[in-house]
C-alpha cells in the first residue's frame, strides 16, 4: 500500500507541475517546476498519510523556512557573481554558510 501511495502522489504532482512548467514562459522554468515543488508536495502527502497532520505541518513549515533561506542564498550568490565578479565556485561556497545559518537559525527560532 505504501508503494501505491508513493506512486500515485508522486506521479500526480510531477505531472501537474510538468504541465504548469510547459505552459509558463521561459521554458527553462519547466524543469524547475517539475522537480522541486512536486517532490515537496509528494513528500508532504506521504508524511501526512504515514505520520499524521501534526508532523506533516511541522515538516511543511520546515520546508518553507528552508526555501526562504535558499532564496536569500540565491540572492547573495547573484550579487557576488555580478558585483564582485567572483567565480561560481567561490560565490556559492562562500554563501553556503549563510544558507545554513539562516535555515537552521530560523528553524530554531520559529520551530523550537
PDB file of N, CA and C in Angstrom:
ATOM      1  N   UNK A   1       0.827  -1.202   0.000  1.00  0.00           N
ATOM      2  CA  UNK A   1       0.000   0.000   0.000  1.00  0.00           C
ATOM      3  C   UNK A   1       0.868   1.260   0.000  1.00  0.00           C
ATOM      4  N   UNK A   2       1.991   1.180   0.718  1.00  0.00           N
ATOM      5  CA  UNK A   2       2.900   2.316   0.782  1.00  0.00           C
ATOM      6  C   UNK A   2       3.422   2.680  -0.608  1.00  0.00           C
ATOM      7  N   UNK A   3       3.784   1.690  -1.386  1.00  0.00           N
ATOM      8  CA  UNK A   3       4.295   1.951  -2.738  1.00  0.00           C
ATOM      9  C   UNK A   3       3.214   2.524  -3.644  1.00  0.00           C
ATOM     10  N   UNK A   4       1.989   2.097  -3.474  1.00  0.00           N
ATOM     11  CA  UNK A   4       0.887   2.618  -4.280  1.00  0.00           C
ATOM     12  C   UNK A   4       0.664   4.096  -3.990  1.00  0.00           C
ATOM     13  N   UNK A   5       0.681   4.476  -2.717  1.00  0.00           N
ATOM     14  CA  UNK A   5       0.515   5.883  -2.349  1.00  0.00           C
ATOM     15  C   UNK A   5       1.674   6.705  -2.889  1.00  0.00           C
ATOM     16  N   UNK A   6       2.888   6.192  -2.774  1.00  0.00           N
ATOM     17  CA  UNK A   6       4.055   6.904  -3.320  1.00  0.00           C
ATOM     18  C   UNK A   6       3.927   7.094  -4.829  1.00  0.00           C
ATOM     19  N   UNK A   7       3.517   6.059  -5.508  1.00  0.00           N
ATOM     20  CA  UNK A   7       3.380   6.117  -6.962  1.00  0.00           C
ATOM     21  C   UNK A   7       2.317   7.130  -7.367  1.00  0.00           C
ATOM     22  N   UNK A   8       1.162   7.071  -6.733  1.00  0.00           N
ATOM     23  CA  UNK A   8       0.063   7.966  -7.100  1.00  0.00           C
ATOM     24  C   UNK A   8       0.363   9.421  -6.738  1.00  0.00           C
ATOM     25  N   UNK A   9       0.847   9.666  -5.529  1.00  0.00           N
ATOM     26  CA  UNK A   9       1.140  11.042  -5.115  1.00  0.00           C
ATOM     27  C   UNK A   9       2.278  11.622  -5.948  1.00  0.00           C
ATOM     28  N   UNK A  10       3.355  10.877  -6.083  1.00  0.00           N
ATOM     29  CA  UNK A  10       4.487  11.368  -6.867  1.00  0.00           C
ATOM     30  C   UNK A  10       4.125  11.605  -8.318  1.00  0.00           C
ATOM     31  N   UNK A  11       3.429  10.650  -8.915  1.00  0.00           N
ATOM     32  CA  UNK A  11       3.033  10.790 -10.324  1.00  0.00           C
ATOM     33  C   UNK A  11       2.099  11.955 -10.554  1.00  0.00           C
ATOM     34  N   UNK A  12       1.152  12.133  -9.643  1.00  0.00           N
ATOM     35  CA  UNK A  12       0.202  13.237  -9.795  1.00  0.00           C
ATOM     36  C   UNK A  12       0.907  14.587  -9.731  1.00  0.00           C
ATOM     37  N   UNK A  13       1.715  14.795  -8.700  1.00  0.00           N
ATOM     38  CA  UNK A  13       2.342  16.102  -8.535  1.00  0.00           C
ATOM     39  C   UNK A  13       3.400  16.375  -9.602  1.00  0.00           C
ATOM     40  N   UNK A  14       4.161  15.376  -9.980  1.00  0.00           N
ATOM     41  CA  UNK A  14       5.149  15.579 -11.044  1.00  0.00           C
ATOM     42  C   UNK A  14       4.446  15.938 -12.343  1.00  0.00           C
ATOM     43  N   UNK A  15       3.374  15.242 -12.668  1.00  0.00           N
ATOM     44  CA  UNK A  15       2.639  15.534 -13.904  1.00  0.00           C
ATOM     45  C   UNK A  15       1.999  16.920 -13.865  1.00  0.00           C
ATOM     46  N   UNK A  16       1.409  17.280 -12.733  1.00  0.00           N
ATOM     47  CA  UNK A  16       0.757  18.588 -12.623  1.00  0.00           C
ATOM     48  C   UNK A  16       1.760  19.731 -12.775  1.00  0.00           C
ATOM     49  N   UNK A  17       2.891  19.621 -12.113  1.00  0.00           N
ATOM     50  CA  UNK A  17       3.883  20.697 -12.219  1.00  0.00           C
ATOM     51  C   UNK A  17       4.601  20.683 -13.561  1.00  0.00           C
ATOM     52  N   UNK A  18       4.718  19.533 -14.199  1.00  0.00           N
ATOM     53  CA  UNK A  18       5.298  19.487 -15.545  1.00  0.00           C
ATOM     54  C   UNK A  18       4.382  20.205 -16.526  1.00  0.00           C
ATOM     55  N   UNK A  19       3.078  20.026 -16.381  1.00  0.00           N
ATOM     56  CA  UNK A  19       2.137  20.750 -17.243  1.00  0.00           C
ATOM     57  C   UNK A  19       2.208  22.252 -16.979  1.00  0.00           C
ATOM     58  N   UNK A  20       2.303  22.645 -15.721  1.00  0.00           N
ATOM     59  CA  UNK A  20       2.431  24.058 -15.374  1.00  0.00           C
ATOM     60  C   UNK A  20       3.709  24.644 -15.966  1.00  0.00           C
ATOM     61  N   UNK A  21       4.800  23.921 -15.843  1.00  0.00           N
ATOM     62  CA  UNK A  21       6.065  24.381 -16.407  1.00  0.00           C
ATOM     63  C   UNK A  21       6.037  24.466 -17.919  1.00  0.00           C
ATOM     64  N   UNK A  22       5.249  23.614 -18.561  1.00  0.00           N
ATOM     65  CA  UNK A  22       5.131  23.635 -20.014  1.00  0.00           C
ATOM     66  C   UNK A  22       4.354  24.850 -20.489  1.00  0.00           C
ATOM     67  N   UNK A  23       3.427  25.321 -19.671  1.00  0.00           N
ATOM     68  CA  UNK A  23       2.597  26.465 -20.043  1.00  0.00           C
ATOM     69  C   UNK A  23       3.342  27.781 -19.849  1.00  0.00           C
ATOM     70  N   UNK A  24       4.174  27.859 -18.816  1.00  0.00           N
ATOM     71  CA  UNK A  24       4.847  29.111 -18.475  1.00  0.00           C
ATOM     72  C   UNK A  24       6.020  29.397 -19.401  1.00  0.00           C
ATOM     73  N   UNK A  25       6.352  30.667 -19.487  1.00  0.00           N
ATOM     74  CA  UNK A  25       7.496  31.106 -20.266  1.00  0.00           C
ATOM     75  C   UNK A  25       8.517  31.708 -19.326  1.00  0.00           C
ATOM     76  N   UNK A  26       9.774  31.641 -19.472  1.00  0.00           N
ATOM     77  CA  UNK A  26      10.507  30.871 -20.472  1.00  0.00           C
ATOM     78  C   UNK A  26      10.484  29.385 -20.138  1.00  0.00           C
ATOM     79  N   UNK A  27      10.805  28.602 -21.132  1.00  0.00           N
ATOM     80  CA  UNK A  27      10.764  27.148 -20.994  1.00  0.00           C
ATOM     81  C   UNK A  27      11.796  26.618 -20.002  1.00  0.00           C
ATOM     82  N   UNK A  28      12.758  27.422 -19.631  1.00  0.00           N
ATOM     83  CA  UNK A  28      13.760  26.961 -18.675  1.00  0.00           C
ATOM     84  C   UNK A  28      13.151  26.723 -17.294  1.00  0.00           C
ATOM     85  N   UNK A  29      11.971  27.265 -17.038  1.00  0.00           N
ATOM     86  CA  UNK A  29      11.291  27.024 -15.772  1.00  0.00           C
ATOM     87  C   UNK A  29      10.638  25.650 -15.715  1.00  0.00           C
ATOM     88  N   UNK A  30      10.497  24.984 -16.842  1.00  0.00           N
ATOM     89  CA  UNK A  30       9.799  23.694 -16.880  1.00  0.00           C
ATOM     90  C   UNK A  30      10.460  22.668 -15.957  1.00  0.00           C
ATOM     91  N   UNK A  31      11.765  22.560 -15.997  1.00  0.00           N
ATOM     92  CA  UNK A  31      12.458  21.609 -15.134  1.00  0.00           C
ATOM     93  C   UNK A  31      12.353  21.969 -13.670  1.00  0.00           C
ATOM     94  N   UNK A  32      12.407  23.262 -13.387  1.00  0.00           N
ATOM     95  CA  UNK A  32      12.285  23.725 -12.011  1.00  0.00           C
ATOM     96  C   UNK A  32      10.916  23.379 -11.442  1.00  0.00           C
ATOM     97  N   UNK A  33       9.874  23.628 -12.217  1.00  0.00           N
ATOM     98  CA  UNK A  33       8.524  23.347 -11.739  1.00  0.00           C
ATOM     99  C   UNK A  33       8.236  21.856 -11.693  1.00  0.00           C
ATOM    100  N   UNK A  34       8.902  21.075 -12.501  1.00  0.00           N
ATOM    101  CA  UNK A  34       8.646  19.631 -12.490  1.00  0.00           C
ATOM    102  C   UNK A  34       9.335  18.946 -11.325  1.00  0.00           C
ATOM    103  N   UNK A  35      10.381  19.542 -10.793  1.00  0.00           N
ATOM    104  CA  UNK A  35      11.177  18.843  -9.778  1.00  0.00           C
ATOM    105  C   UNK A  35      10.819  19.248  -8.352  1.00  0.00           C
ATOM    106  N   UNK A  36      11.259  20.405  -7.936  1.00  0.00           N
ATOM    107  CA  UNK A  36      11.196  20.765  -6.516  1.00  0.00           C
ATOM    108  C   UNK A  36       9.787  20.799  -5.920  1.00  0.00           C
ATOM    109  N   UNK A  37       8.846  21.528  -6.492  1.00  0.00           N
ATOM    110  CA  UNK A  37       7.526  21.572  -5.847  1.00  0.00           C
ATOM    111  C   UNK A  37       6.825  20.223  -5.823  1.00  0.00           C
ATOM    112  N   UNK A  38       6.978  19.461  -6.878  1.00  0.00           N
ATOM    113  CA  UNK A  38       6.287  18.170  -6.927  1.00  0.00           C
ATOM    114  C   UNK A  38       6.858  17.190  -5.912  1.00  0.00           C
ATOM    115  N   UNK A  39       8.157  17.195  -5.739  1.00  0.00           N
ATOM    116  CA  UNK A  39       8.774  16.309  -4.752  1.00  0.00           C
ATOM    117  C   UNK A  39       8.374  16.737  -3.342  1.00  0.00           C
ATOM    118  N   UNK A  40       8.352  18.039  -3.089  1.00  0.00           N
ATOM    119  CA  UNK A  40       7.964  18.535  -1.765  1.00  0.00           C
ATOM    120  C   UNK A  40       6.514  18.163  -1.450  1.00  0.00           C
ATOM    121  N   UNK A  41       5.612  18.359  -2.395  1.00  0.00           N
ATOM    122  CA  UNK A  41       4.212  18.034  -2.139  1.00  0.00           C
ATOM    123  C   UNK A  41       3.982  16.538  -2.006  1.00  0.00           C
ATOM    124  N   UNK A  42       4.664  15.754  -2.809  1.00  0.00           N
ATOM    125  CA  UNK A  42       4.537  14.300  -2.677  1.00  0.00           C
ATOM    126  C   UNK A  42       5.070  13.840  -1.321  1.00  0.00           C
ATOM    127  N   UNK A  43       6.173  14.429  -0.872  1.00  0.00           N
ATOM    128  CA  UNK A  43       6.729  14.092   0.436  1.00  0.00           C
ATOM    129  C   UNK A  43       5.771  14.469   1.550  1.00  0.00           C
ATOM    130  N   UNK A  44       5.165  15.650   1.444  1.00  0.00           N
ATOM    131  CA  UNK A  44       4.193  16.058   2.455  1.00  0.00           C
ATOM    132  C   UNK A  44       2.967  15.149   2.456  1.00  0.00           C
ATOM    133  N   UNK A  45       2.550  14.733   1.288  1.00  0.00           N
ATOM    134  CA  UNK A  45       1.411  13.816   1.168  1.00  0.00           C
ATOM    135  C   UNK A  45       1.721  12.491   1.873  1.00  0.00           C
ATOM    136  N   UNK A  46       2.875  11.954   1.612  1.00  0.00           N
ATOM    137  CA  UNK A  46       3.273  10.701   2.253  1.00  0.00           C
ATOM    138  C   UNK A  46       3.448  10.866   3.759  1.00  0.00           C
ATOM    139  N   UNK A  47       4.008  11.994   4.180  1.00  0.00           N
ATOM    140  CA  UNK A  47       4.186  12.253   5.598  1.00  0.00           C
ATOM    141  C   UNK A  47       2.841  12.364   6.297  1.00  0.00           C
ATOM    142  N   UNK A  48       1.909  13.035   5.659  1.00  0.00           N
ATOM    143  CA  UNK A  48       0.562  13.147   6.215  1.00  0.00           C
ATOM    144  C   UNK A  48      -0.079  11.771   6.359  1.00  0.00           C
ATOM    145  N   UNK A  49       0.080  10.948   5.350  1.00  0.00           N
ATOM    146  CA  UNK A  49      -0.520   9.615   5.352  1.00  0.00           C
ATOM    147  C   UNK A  49       0.103   8.716   6.420  1.00  0.00           C
ATOM    148  N   UNK A  50       1.438   8.791   6.572  1.00  0.00           N
ATOM    149  CA  UNK A  50       2.119   7.877   7.492  1.00  0.00           C
ATOM    150  C   UNK A  50       2.198   8.388   8.925  1.00  0.00           C
ATOM    151  N   UNK A  51       2.430   9.705   9.100  1.00  0.00           N
ATOM    152  CA  UNK A  51       2.737  10.226  10.433  1.00  0.00           C
ATOM    153  C   UNK A  51       1.698  11.182  11.002  1.00  0.00           C
ATOM    154  N   UNK A  52       0.704  11.565  10.223  1.00  0.00           N
ATOM    155  CA  UNK A  52      -0.354  12.428  10.741  1.00  0.00           C
ATOM    156  C   UNK A  52      -0.163  13.898  10.425  1.00  0.00           C
ATOM    157  N   UNK A  53      -1.220  14.658  10.710  1.00  0.00           N
ATOM    158  CA  UNK A  53      -1.274  16.071  10.337  1.00  0.00           C
ATOM    159  C   UNK A  53      -0.279  16.929  11.114  1.00  0.00           C
ATOM    160  N   UNK A  54      -0.104  16.663  12.400  1.00  0.00           N
ATOM    161  CA  UNK A  54       0.798  17.497  13.202  1.00  0.00           C
ATOM    162  C   UNK A  54       2.236  17.398  12.702  1.00  0.00           C
ATOM    163  N   UNK A  55       2.683  16.197  12.407  1.00  0.00           N
ATOM    164  CA  UNK A  55       4.043  16.001  11.917  1.00  0.00           C
ATOM    165  C   UNK A  55       4.206  16.602  10.519  1.00  0.00           C
ATOM    166  N   UNK A  56       3.204  16.400   9.653  1.00  0.00           N
ATOM    167  CA  UNK A  56       3.260  16.954   8.292  1.00  0.00           C
ATOM    168  C   UNK A  56       3.260  18.475   8.329  1.00  0.00           C
ATOM    169  N   UNK A  57       2.532  19.058   9.259  1.00  0.00           N
ATOM    170  CA  UNK A  57       2.512  20.517   9.405  1.00  0.00           C
ATOM    171  C   UNK A  57       3.888  21.045   9.786  1.00  0.00           C
ATOM    172  N   UNK A  58       4.533  20.367  10.704  1.00  0.00           N
ATOM    173  CA  UNK A  58       5.882  20.752  11.112  1.00  0.00           C
ATOM    174  C   UNK A  58       6.864  20.626   9.944  1.00  0.00           C
ATOM    175  N   UNK A  59       6.739  19.558   9.176  1.00  0.00           N
ATOM    176  CA  UNK A  59       7.603  19.372   8.003  1.00  0.00           C
ATOM    177  C   UNK A  59       7.356  20.458   6.958  1.00  0.00           C
ATOM    178  N   UNK A  60       6.109  20.831   6.760  1.00  0.00           N
ATOM    179  CA  UNK A  60       5.782  21.894   5.805  1.00  0.00           C
ATOM    180  C   UNK A  60       6.385  23.226   6.205  1.00  0.00           C
ATOM    181  N   UNK A  61       6.297  23.548   7.493  1.00  0.00           N
ATOM    182  CA  UNK A  61       6.915  24.789   7.973  1.00  0.00           C
ATOM    183  C   UNK A  61       8.433  24.750   7.797  1.00  0.00           C
ATOM    184  N   UNK A  62       9.029  23.597   8.026  1.00  0.00           N
ATOM    185  CA  UNK A  62      10.473  23.454   7.825  1.00  0.00           C
ATOM    186  C   UNK A  62      10.844  23.677   6.365  1.00  0.00           C
ATOM    187  N   UNK A  63      10.021  23.163   5.462  1.00  0.00           N
ATOM    188  CA  UNK A  63      10.274  23.354   4.032  1.00  0.00           C
ATOM    189  C   UNK A  63      10.175  24.823   3.641  1.00  0.00           C
ATOM    190  N   UNK A  64       9.216  25.528   4.209  1.00  0.00           N
ATOM    191  CA  UNK A  64       9.057  26.956   3.912  1.00  0.00           C
ATOM    192  C   UNK A  64      10.272  27.735   4.398  1.00  0.00           C
ATOM    193  N   UNK A  65      10.708  27.465   5.626  1.00  0.00           N
ATOM    194  CA  UNK A  65      11.880  28.174   6.157  1.00  0.00           C
ATOM    195  C   UNK A  65      13.140  27.850   5.352  1.00  0.00           C
ATOM    196  N   UNK A  66      13.290  26.601   4.940  1.00  0.00           N
ATOM    197  CA  UNK A  66      14.430  26.230   4.105  1.00  0.00           C
ATOM    198  C   UNK A  66      14.397  26.921   2.753  1.00  0.00           C
ATOM    199  N   UNK A  67      13.197  27.058   2.187  1.00  0.00           N
ATOM    200  CA  UNK A  67      13.059  27.738   0.891  1.00  0.00           C
ATOM    201  C   UNK A  67      13.381  29.225   1.010  1.00  0.00           C
ATOM    202  N   UNK A  68      12.955  29.856   2.101  1.00  0.00           N
ATOM    203  CA  UNK A  68      13.290  31.268   2.305  1.00  0.00           C
ATOM    204  C   UNK A  68      14.792  31.458   2.475  1.00  0.00           C
ATOM    205  N   UNK A  69      15.424  30.556   3.210  1.00  0.00           N
ATOM    206  CA  UNK A  69      16.882  30.623   3.371  1.00  0.00           C
ATOM    207  C   UNK A  69      17.580  30.413   2.033  1.00  0.00           C
ATOM    208  N   UNK A  70      17.053  29.509   1.227  1.00  0.00           N
ATOM    209  CA  UNK A  70      17.640  29.277  -0.094  1.00  0.00           C
ATOM    210  C   UNK A  70      17.461  30.501  -0.998  1.00  0.00           C
ATOM    211  N   UNK A  71      16.330  31.192  -0.871  1.00  0.00           N
ATOM    212  CA  UNK A  71      16.122  32.424  -1.636  1.00  0.00           C
ATOM    213  C   UNK A  71      17.153  33.484  -1.278  1.00  0.00           C
ATOM    214  N   UNK A  72      17.430  33.638   0.022  1.00  0.00           N
ATOM    215  CA  UNK A  72      18.453  34.594   0.455  1.00  0.00           C
ATOM    216  C   UNK A  72      19.825  34.179  -0.063  1.00  0.00           C
ATOM    217  N   UNK A  73      20.111  32.895   0.004  1.00  0.00           N
ATOM    218  CA  UNK A  73      21.381  32.364  -0.517  1.00  0.00           C
ATOM    219  C   UNK A  73      21.518  32.682  -2.007  1.00  0.00           C
ATOM    220  N   UNK A  74      20.465  32.452  -2.764  1.00  0.00           N
ATOM    221  CA  UNK A  74      20.494  32.704  -4.210  1.00  0.00           C
ATOM    222  C   UNK A  74      20.725  34.174  -4.513  1.00  0.00           C
ATOM    223  N   UNK A  75      20.073  35.031  -3.745  1.00  0.00           N
ATOM    224  CA  UNK A  75      20.252  36.466  -3.938  1.00  0.00           C
ATOM    225  C   UNK A  75      21.702  36.879  -3.672  1.00  0.00           C
ATOM    226  N   UNK A  76      22.282  36.366  -2.607  1.00  0.00           N
ATOM    227  CA  UNK A  76      23.673  36.694  -2.273  1.00  0.00           C
ATOM    228  C   UNK A  76      24.624  36.160  -3.342  1.00  0.00           C
ATOM    229  N   UNK A  77      24.386  34.943  -3.825  1.00  0.00           N
ATOM    230  CA  UNK A  77      25.240  34.385  -4.876  1.00  0.00           C
ATOM    231  C   UNK A  77      25.165  35.249  -6.135  1.00  0.00           C
ATOM    232  N   UNK A  78      23.976  35.678  -6.513  1.00  0.00           N
ATOM    233  CA  UNK A  78      23.841  36.545  -7.691  1.00  0.00           C
ATOM    234  C   UNK A  78      24.598  37.849  -7.513  1.00  0.00           C
ATOM    235  N   UNK A  79      24.495  38.428  -6.335  1.00  0.00           N
ATOM    236  CA  UNK A  79      25.228  39.676  -6.058  1.00  0.00           C
ATOM    237  C   UNK A  79      26.744  39.458  -6.130  1.00  0.00           C
ATOM    238  N   UNK A  80      27.209  38.368  -5.551  1.00  0.00           N
ATOM    239  CA  UNK A  80      28.650  38.087  -5.579  1.00  0.00           C
ATOM    240  C   UNK A  80      29.141  37.858  -7.004  1.00  0.00           C
ATOM    241  N   UNK A  81      28.346  37.205  -7.810  1.00  0.00           N
ATOM    242  CA  UNK A  81      28.743  36.939  -9.188  1.00  0.00           C
ATOM    243  C   UNK A  81      28.747  38.210 -10.036  1.00  0.00           C
ATOM    244  N   UNK A  82      27.716  39.040  -9.870  1.00  0.00           N
ATOM    245  CA  UNK A  82      27.581  40.221 -10.723  1.00  0.00           C
ATOM    246  C   UNK A  82      28.441  41.396 -10.260  1.00  0.00           C
ATOM    247  N   UNK A  83      28.461  41.646  -8.969  1.00  0.00           N
ATOM    248  CA  UNK A  83      29.161  42.838  -8.477  1.00  0.00           C
ATOM    249  C   UNK A  83      30.640  42.612  -8.238  1.00  0.00           C
ATOM    250  N   UNK A  84      30.976  41.481  -7.653  1.00  0.00           N
ATOM    251  CA  UNK A  84      32.381  41.225  -7.334  1.00  0.00           C
ATOM    252  C   UNK A  84      33.079  40.365  -8.382  1.00  0.00           C
ATOM    253  N   UNK A  85      32.319  39.862  -9.332  1.00  0.00           N
ATOM    254  CA  UNK A  85      32.854  39.032 -10.428  1.00  0.00           C
ATOM    255  C   UNK A  85      33.643  37.831  -9.914  1.00  0.00           C
ATOM    256  N   UNK A  86      33.115  37.217  -8.866  1.00  0.00           N
ATOM    257  CA  UNK A  86      33.749  36.011  -8.338  1.00  0.00           C
ATOM    258  C   UNK A  86      33.415  34.822  -9.227  1.00  0.00           C
ATOM    259  N   UNK A  87      34.200  33.772  -9.122  1.00  0.00           N
ATOM    260  CA  UNK A  87      33.873  32.546  -9.849  1.00  0.00           C
ATOM    261  C   UNK A  87      32.652  31.901  -9.199  1.00  0.00           C
ATOM    262  N   UNK A  88      31.992  31.038  -9.939  1.00  0.00           N
ATOM    263  CA  UNK A  88      30.791  30.378  -9.417  1.00  0.00           C
ATOM    264  C   UNK A  88      31.119  29.540  -8.184  1.00  0.00           C
ATOM    265  N   UNK A  89      32.239  28.859  -8.214  1.00  0.00           N
ATOM    266  CA  UNK A  89      32.634  28.024  -7.076  1.00  0.00           C
ATOM    267  C   UNK A  89      32.878  28.877  -5.827  1.00  0.00           C
ATOM    268  N   UNK A  90      33.564  29.983  -5.978  1.00  0.00           N
ATOM    269  CA  UNK A  90      33.855  30.851  -4.843  1.00  0.00           C
ATOM    270  C   UNK A  90      32.584  31.487  -4.291  1.00  0.00           C
ATOM    271  N   UNK A  91      31.710  31.964  -5.177  1.00  0.00           N
ATOM    272  CA  UNK A  91      30.473  32.616  -4.737  1.00  0.00           C
ATOM    273  C   UNK A  91      29.551  31.643  -4.014  1.00  0.00           C
ATOM    274  N   UNK A  92      29.368  30.468  -4.594  1.00  0.00           N
ATOM    275  CA  UNK A  92      28.459  29.502  -3.962  1.00  0.00           C
ATOM    276  C   UNK A  92      29.034  28.952  -2.668  1.00  0.00           C
ATOM    277  N   UNK A  93      30.317  28.707  -2.651  1.00  0.00           N
ATOM    278  CA  UNK A  93      30.950  28.184  -1.434  1.00  0.00           C
ATOM    279  C   UNK A  93      30.896  29.186  -0.294  1.00  0.00           C
ATOM    280  N   UNK A  94      31.154  30.441  -0.597  1.00  0.00           N
ATOM    281  CA  UNK A  94      31.158  31.442   0.464  1.00  0.00           C
ATOM    282  C   UNK A  94      29.747  31.755   0.955  1.00  0.00           C
ATOM    283  N   UNK A  95      28.741  31.638   0.111  1.00  0.00           N
ATOM    284  CA  UNK A  95      27.366  31.913   0.536  1.00  0.00           C
ATOM    285  C   UNK A  95      26.706  30.711   1.205  1.00  0.00           C
ATOM    286  N   UNK A  96      27.322  29.550   1.112  1.00  0.00           N
ATOM    287  CA  UNK A  96      26.756  28.340   1.706  1.00  0.00           C
ATOM    288  C   UNK A  96      26.585  28.486   3.215  1.00  0.00           C
ATOM    289  N   UNK A  97      27.523  29.136   3.863  1.00  0.00           N
ATOM    290  CA  UNK A  97      27.424  29.336   5.316  1.00  0.00           C
ATOM    291  C   UNK A  97      26.184  30.160   5.660  1.00  0.00           C
ATOM    292  N   UNK A  98      25.898  31.173   4.844  1.00  0.00           N
ATOM    293  CA  UNK A  98      24.700  31.985   5.066  1.00  0.00           C
ATOM    294  C   UNK A  98      23.443  31.132   4.998  1.00  0.00           C
ATOM    295  N   UNK A  99      23.377  30.253   4.009  1.00  0.00           N
ATOM    296  CA  UNK A  99      22.213  29.386   3.847  1.00  0.00           C
ATOM    297  C   UNK A  99      22.004  28.529   5.094  1.00  0.00           C
ATOM    298  N   UNK A 100      23.069  27.903   5.577  1.00  0.00           N
ATOM    299  CA  UNK A 100      22.950  27.051   6.752  1.00  0.00           C
ATOM    300  C   UNK A 100      22.559  27.842   7.994  1.00  0.00           C
ATOM    301  N   UNK A 101      23.172  29.003   8.183  1.00  0.00           N
ATOM    302  CA  UNK A 101      22.856  29.822   9.359  1.00  0.00           C
ATOM    303  C   UNK A 101      21.397  30.266   9.307  1.00  0.00           C
ATOM    304  N   UNK A 102      20.938  30.732   8.157  1.00  0.00           N
ATOM    305  CA  UNK A 102      19.549  31.172   8.040  1.00  0.00           C
ATOM    306  C   UNK A 102      18.569  30.016   8.208  1.00  0.00           C
ATOM    307  N   UNK A 103      18.842  28.893   7.566  1.00  0.00           N
ATOM    308  CA  UNK A 103      17.924  27.759   7.642  1.00  0.00           C
ATOM    309  C   UNK A 103      17.848  27.200   9.051  1.00  0.00           C
ATOM    310  N   UNK A 104      18.989  26.914   9.636  1.00  0.00           N
ATOM    311  CA  UNK A 104      18.999  26.326  10.980  1.00  0.00           C
ATOM    312  C   UNK A 104      18.580  27.340  12.044  1.00  0.00           C
ATOM    313  N   UNK A 105      18.995  28.577  11.880  1.00  0.00           N
ATOM    314  CA  UNK A 105      18.599  29.620  12.840  1.00  0.00           C
ATOM    315  C   UNK A 105      17.106  29.892  12.821  1.00  0.00           C
ATOM    316  N   UNK A 106      16.525  29.966  11.636  1.00  0.00           N
ATOM    317  CA  UNK A 106      15.085  30.221  11.562  1.00  0.00           C
ATOM    318  C   UNK A 106      14.297  29.029  12.073  1.00  0.00           C
ATOM    319  N   UNK A 107      14.778  27.820  11.830  1.00  0.00           N
ATOM    320  CA  UNK A 107      14.086  26.643  12.364  1.00  0.00           C
ATOM    321  C   UNK A 107      14.152  26.645  13.887  1.00  0.00           C
ATOM    322  N   UNK A 108      15.294  26.995  14.435  1.00  0.00           N
ATOM    323  CA  UNK A 108      15.433  27.054  15.893  1.00  0.00           C
ATOM    324  C   UNK A 108      14.551  28.135  16.481  1.00  0.00           C
ATOM    325  N   UNK A 109      14.498  29.275  15.798  1.00  0.00           N
ATOM    326  CA  UNK A 109      13.726  30.422  16.288  1.00  0.00           C
ATOM    327  C   UNK A 109      12.227  30.165  16.200  1.00  0.00           C
ATOM    328  N   UNK A 110      11.767  29.649  15.050  1.00  0.00           N
ATOM    329  CA  UNK A 110      10.324  29.519  14.832  1.00  0.00           C
ATOM    330  C   UNK A 110       9.752  28.157  15.219  1.00  0.00           C
ATOM    331  N   UNK A 111      10.559  27.118  15.144  1.00  0.00           N
ATOM    332  CA  UNK A 111      10.028  25.787  15.410  1.00  0.00           C
ATOM    333  C   UNK A 111      10.508  25.201  16.733  1.00  0.00           C
ATOM    334  N   UNK A 112      11.490  25.837  17.334  1.00  0.00           N
ATOM    335  CA  UNK A 112      11.953  25.391  18.644  1.00  0.00           C
ATOM    336  C   UNK A 112      12.867  24.267  18.633  1.00  0.00           C
TER     337      UNK A 112
END
